[in-house]
Amino acid sequence: MTILTIPEVARILRVTPKVVREQCAKGCLPARKIGGSWRIEESLLAQWFQSPEAACPSFGEEKSGGSISLPRAGSALEDRLERIRRNSRKSTTTGLKRTSGSSRA
């Protein structure tokens, strides 16, 4: 299970963190408040994005003013989530290789 923060969700949905917070407070996003901060489970965000209920009034209107079809949007979200997963896996393994003959003093 991967838990996303407001900035991570904002980056995925390509809206501002303020918009994500507002939508969480309205109940438009599948979010929970933990320790005073909103958190969203990645799989629930993907499910929400692909559902007909994803069309919450005024979601992202501040920036986009347009909309895209849910199947296309869901696919785009899945692509973004996969890129984030790959990048986070790469960043956790970089710089950790050691050669068998080397040792630290």
C-alpha atoms as a PDB file:
ATOM      1  CA  MET A   1       0.000   0.000   0.000  1.00  0.00           C
ATOM      2  CA  THR A   2       1.380   3.390  -1.008  1.00  0.00           C
ATOM      3  CA  ILE A   3       0.154   6.513   0.754  1.00  0.00           C
ATOM      4  CA  LEU A   4       0.430   9.811  -1.115  1.00  0.00           C
ATOM      5  CA  THR A   5       0.762  13.318   0.294  1.00  0.00           C
ATOM      6  CA  ILE A   6      -1.039  16.422  -0.974  1.00  0.00           C
ATOM      7  CA  PRO A   7       1.957  17.616  -3.066  1.00  0.00           C
ATOM      8  CA  GLU A   8       2.323  14.156  -4.644  1.00  0.00           C
ATOM      9  CA  VAL A   9      -1.369  13.998  -5.555  1.00  0.00           C
ATOM     10  CA  ALA A  10      -1.226  17.554  -6.915  1.00  0.00           C
ATOM     11  CA  ARG A  11       1.723  16.623  -9.136  1.00  0.00           C
ATOM     12  CA  ILE A  12      -0.080  13.499 -10.411  1.00  0.00           C
ATOM     13  CA  LEU A  13      -3.332  15.351 -11.137  1.00  0.00           C
ATOM     14  CA  ARG A  14      -1.494  18.442 -12.416  1.00  0.00           C
ATOM     15  CA  VAL A  15      -3.318  20.848 -10.126  1.00  0.00           C
ATOM     16  CA  THR A  16      -2.135  22.942  -7.207  1.00  0.00           C
ATOM     17  CA  PRO A  17      -1.846  21.512  -3.685  1.00  0.00           C
ATOM     18  CA  LYS A  18      -4.508  24.043  -2.654  1.00  0.00           C
ATOM     19  CA  VAL A  19      -6.992  22.496  -5.119  1.00  0.00           C
ATOM     20  CA  VAL A  20      -6.243  19.006  -3.774  1.00  0.00           C
ATOM     21  CA  ARG A  21      -6.748  20.168  -0.160  1.00  0.00           C
ATOM     22  CA  GLU A  22     -10.049  21.827  -1.072  1.00  0.00           C
ATOM     23  CA  GLN A  23     -11.295  18.712  -2.854  1.00  0.00           C
ATOM     24  CA  CYS A  24     -10.275  16.518   0.085  1.00  0.00           C
ATOM     25  CA  ALA A  25     -12.202  18.788   2.458  1.00  0.00           C
ATOM     26  CA  LYS A  26     -15.281  18.661   0.172  1.00  0.00           C
ATOM     27  CA  GLY A  27     -15.110  14.870   0.123  1.00  0.00           C
ATOM     28  CA  CYS A  28     -14.465  14.764  -3.615  1.00  0.00           C
ATOM     29  CA  LEU A  29     -11.220  12.791  -3.239  1.00  0.00           C
ATOM     30  CA  PRO A  30     -10.861   9.486  -1.340  1.00  0.00           C
ATOM     31  CA  ALA A  31      -8.720  11.011   1.409  1.00  0.00           C
ATOM     32  CA  ARG A  32      -8.268  10.699   5.154  1.00  0.00           C
ATOM     33  CA  LYS A  33      -6.806  13.141   7.582  1.00  0.00           C
ATOM     34  CA  ILE A  34      -3.940  11.632   9.571  1.00  0.00           C
ATOM     35  CA  GLY A  35      -2.228  13.783  12.166  1.00  0.00           C
ATOM     36  CA  GLY A  36      -3.793  16.916  10.715  1.00  0.00           C
ATOM     37  CA  SER A  37      -2.596  16.211   7.152  1.00  0.00           C
ATOM     38  CA  TRP A  38      -4.534  14.741   4.266  1.00  0.00           C
ATOM     39  CA  ARG A  39      -3.329  11.398   2.892  1.00  0.00           C
ATOM     40  CA  ILE A  40      -4.592   9.460  -0.117  1.00  0.00           C
ATOM     41  CA  GLU A  41      -3.948   5.810  -0.865  1.00  0.00           C
ATOM     42  CA  GLU A  42      -2.550   5.487  -4.385  1.00  0.00           C
ATOM     43  CA  SER A  43      -4.829   2.602  -5.415  1.00  0.00           C
ATOM     44  CA  LEU A  44      -7.936   4.460  -4.188  1.00  0.00           C
ATOM     45  CA  LEU A  45      -6.897   7.547  -6.147  1.00  0.00           C
ATOM     46  CA  ALA A  46      -6.589   5.439  -9.314  1.00  0.00           C
ATOM     47  CA  GLN A  47     -10.004   3.837  -8.680  1.00  0.00           C
ATOM     48  CA  TRP A  48     -11.574   7.239  -8.000  1.00  0.00           C
ATOM     49  CA  PHE A  49     -10.094   8.690 -11.177  1.00  0.00           C
ATOM     50  CA  GLN A  50     -11.596   5.946 -13.323  1.00  0.00           C
ATOM     51  CA  SER A  51     -15.057   6.108 -11.729  1.00  0.00           C
ATOM     52  CA  PRO A  52     -17.996   8.247 -12.916  1.00  0.00           C
ATOM     53  CA  GLU A  53     -18.028   9.926  -9.482  1.00  0.00           C
ATOM     54  CA  ALA A  54     -14.634  11.473 -10.277  1.00  0.00           C
ATOM     55  CA  ALA A  55     -16.406  14.401 -11.912  1.00  0.00           C
ATOM     56  CA  CYS A  56     -16.664  16.556  -8.801  1.00  0.00           C
ATOM     57  CA  PRO A  57     -17.986  20.083  -9.395  1.00  0.00           C
ATOM     58  CA  SER A  58     -15.245  22.676  -9.866  1.00  0.00           C
ATOM     59  CA  PHE A  59     -12.384  20.185  -9.603  1.00  0.00           C
ATOM     60  CA  GLY A  60      -9.386  21.833 -11.206  1.00  0.00           C
ATOM     61  CA  GLU A  61     -11.440  24.566 -12.879  1.00  0.00           C
ATOM     62  CA  GLU A  62      -9.055  27.222 -11.587  1.00  0.00           C
ATOM     63  CA  LYS A  63      -6.380  26.059 -14.034  1.00  0.00           C
ATOM     64  CA  SER A  64      -7.823  23.940 -16.812  1.00  0.00           C
ATOM     65  CA  GLY A  65     -11.288  25.128 -17.742  1.00  0.00           C
ATOM     66  CA  GLY A  66     -11.666  21.948 -19.811  1.00  0.00           C
ATOM     67  CA  SER A  67     -12.055  18.264 -19.302  1.00  0.00           C
ATOM     68  CA  ILE A  68     -10.929  14.982 -20.786  1.00  0.00           C
ATOM     69  CA  SER A  69     -12.776  11.696 -20.974  1.00  0.00           C
ATOM     70  CA  LEU A  70     -12.469   9.443 -17.933  1.00  0.00           C
ATOM     71  CA  PRO A  71     -10.939   6.440 -19.768  1.00  0.00           C
ATOM     72  CA  ARG A  72      -8.221   8.671 -21.228  1.00  0.00           C
ATOM     73  CA  ALA A  73      -7.731  10.451 -17.908  1.00  0.00           C
ATOM     74  CA  GLY A  74      -7.534   7.148 -16.035  1.00  0.00           C
ATOM     75  CA  SER A  75      -4.885   5.896 -18.424  1.00  0.00           C
ATOM     76  CA  ALA A  76      -2.920   9.126 -18.011  1.00  0.00           C
ATOM     77  CA  LEU A  77      -3.110   8.797 -14.230  1.00  0.00           C
ATOM     78  CA  GLU A  78      -1.891   5.204 -14.358  1.00  0.00           C
ATOM     79  CA  ASP A  79       1.035   6.291 -16.568  1.00  0.00           C
ATOM     80  CA  ARG A  80       1.992   9.064 -14.121  1.00  0.00           C
ATOM     81  CA  LEU A  81       1.710   6.755 -11.113  1.00  0.00           C
ATOM     82  CA  GLU A  82       3.937   4.182 -12.824  1.00  0.00           C
ATOM     83  CA  ARG A  83       6.581   6.833 -13.619  1.00  0.00           C
ATOM     84  CA  ILE A  84       6.566   7.961  -9.978  1.00  0.00           C
ATOM     85  CA  ARG A  85       6.911   4.342  -8.793  1.00  0.00           C
ATOM     86  CA  ARG A  86       9.848   3.732 -11.145  1.00  0.00           C
ATOM     87  CA  ASN A  87      11.579   6.959 -10.117  1.00  0.00           C
ATOM     88  CA  SER A  88      11.162   6.246  -6.416  1.00  0.00           C
ATOM     89  CA  ARG A  89      12.585   2.734  -6.874  1.00  0.00           C
ATOM     90  CA  LYS A  90      15.590   4.146  -8.734  1.00  0.00           C
ATOM     91  CA  SER A  91      16.262   6.781  -6.082  1.00  0.00           C
ATOM     92  CA  THR A  92      16.314   4.203  -3.271  1.00  0.00           C
ATOM     93  CA  THR A  93      18.987   2.078  -4.957  1.00  0.00           C
ATOM     94  CA  THR A  94      21.339   4.710  -6.367  1.00  0.00           C
ATOM     95  CA  GLY A  95      24.732   5.015  -4.793  1.00  0.00           C
ATOM     96  CA  LEU A  96      24.447   1.775  -2.835  1.00  0.00           C
ATOM     97  CA  LYS A  97      26.644  -0.461  -5.024  1.00  0.00           C
ATOM     98  CA  ARG A  98      29.954  -1.596  -3.609  1.00  0.00           C
ATOM     99  CA  THR A  99      32.528  -3.733  -5.303  1.00  0.00           C
ATOM    100  CA  SER A 100      33.403  -7.017  -3.621  1.00  0.00           C
ATOM    101  CA  GLY A 101      37.043  -6.067  -3.052  1.00  0.00           C
ATOM    102  CA  SER A 102      36.448  -2.669  -1.478  1.00  0.00           C
ATOM    103  CA  SER A 103      36.093  -2.008   2.206  1.00  0.00           C
ATOM    104  CA  ARG A 104      35.666   1.083   4.324  1.00  0.00           C
ATOM    105  CA  ALA A 105      38.209   2.038   6.932  1.00  0.00           C
END
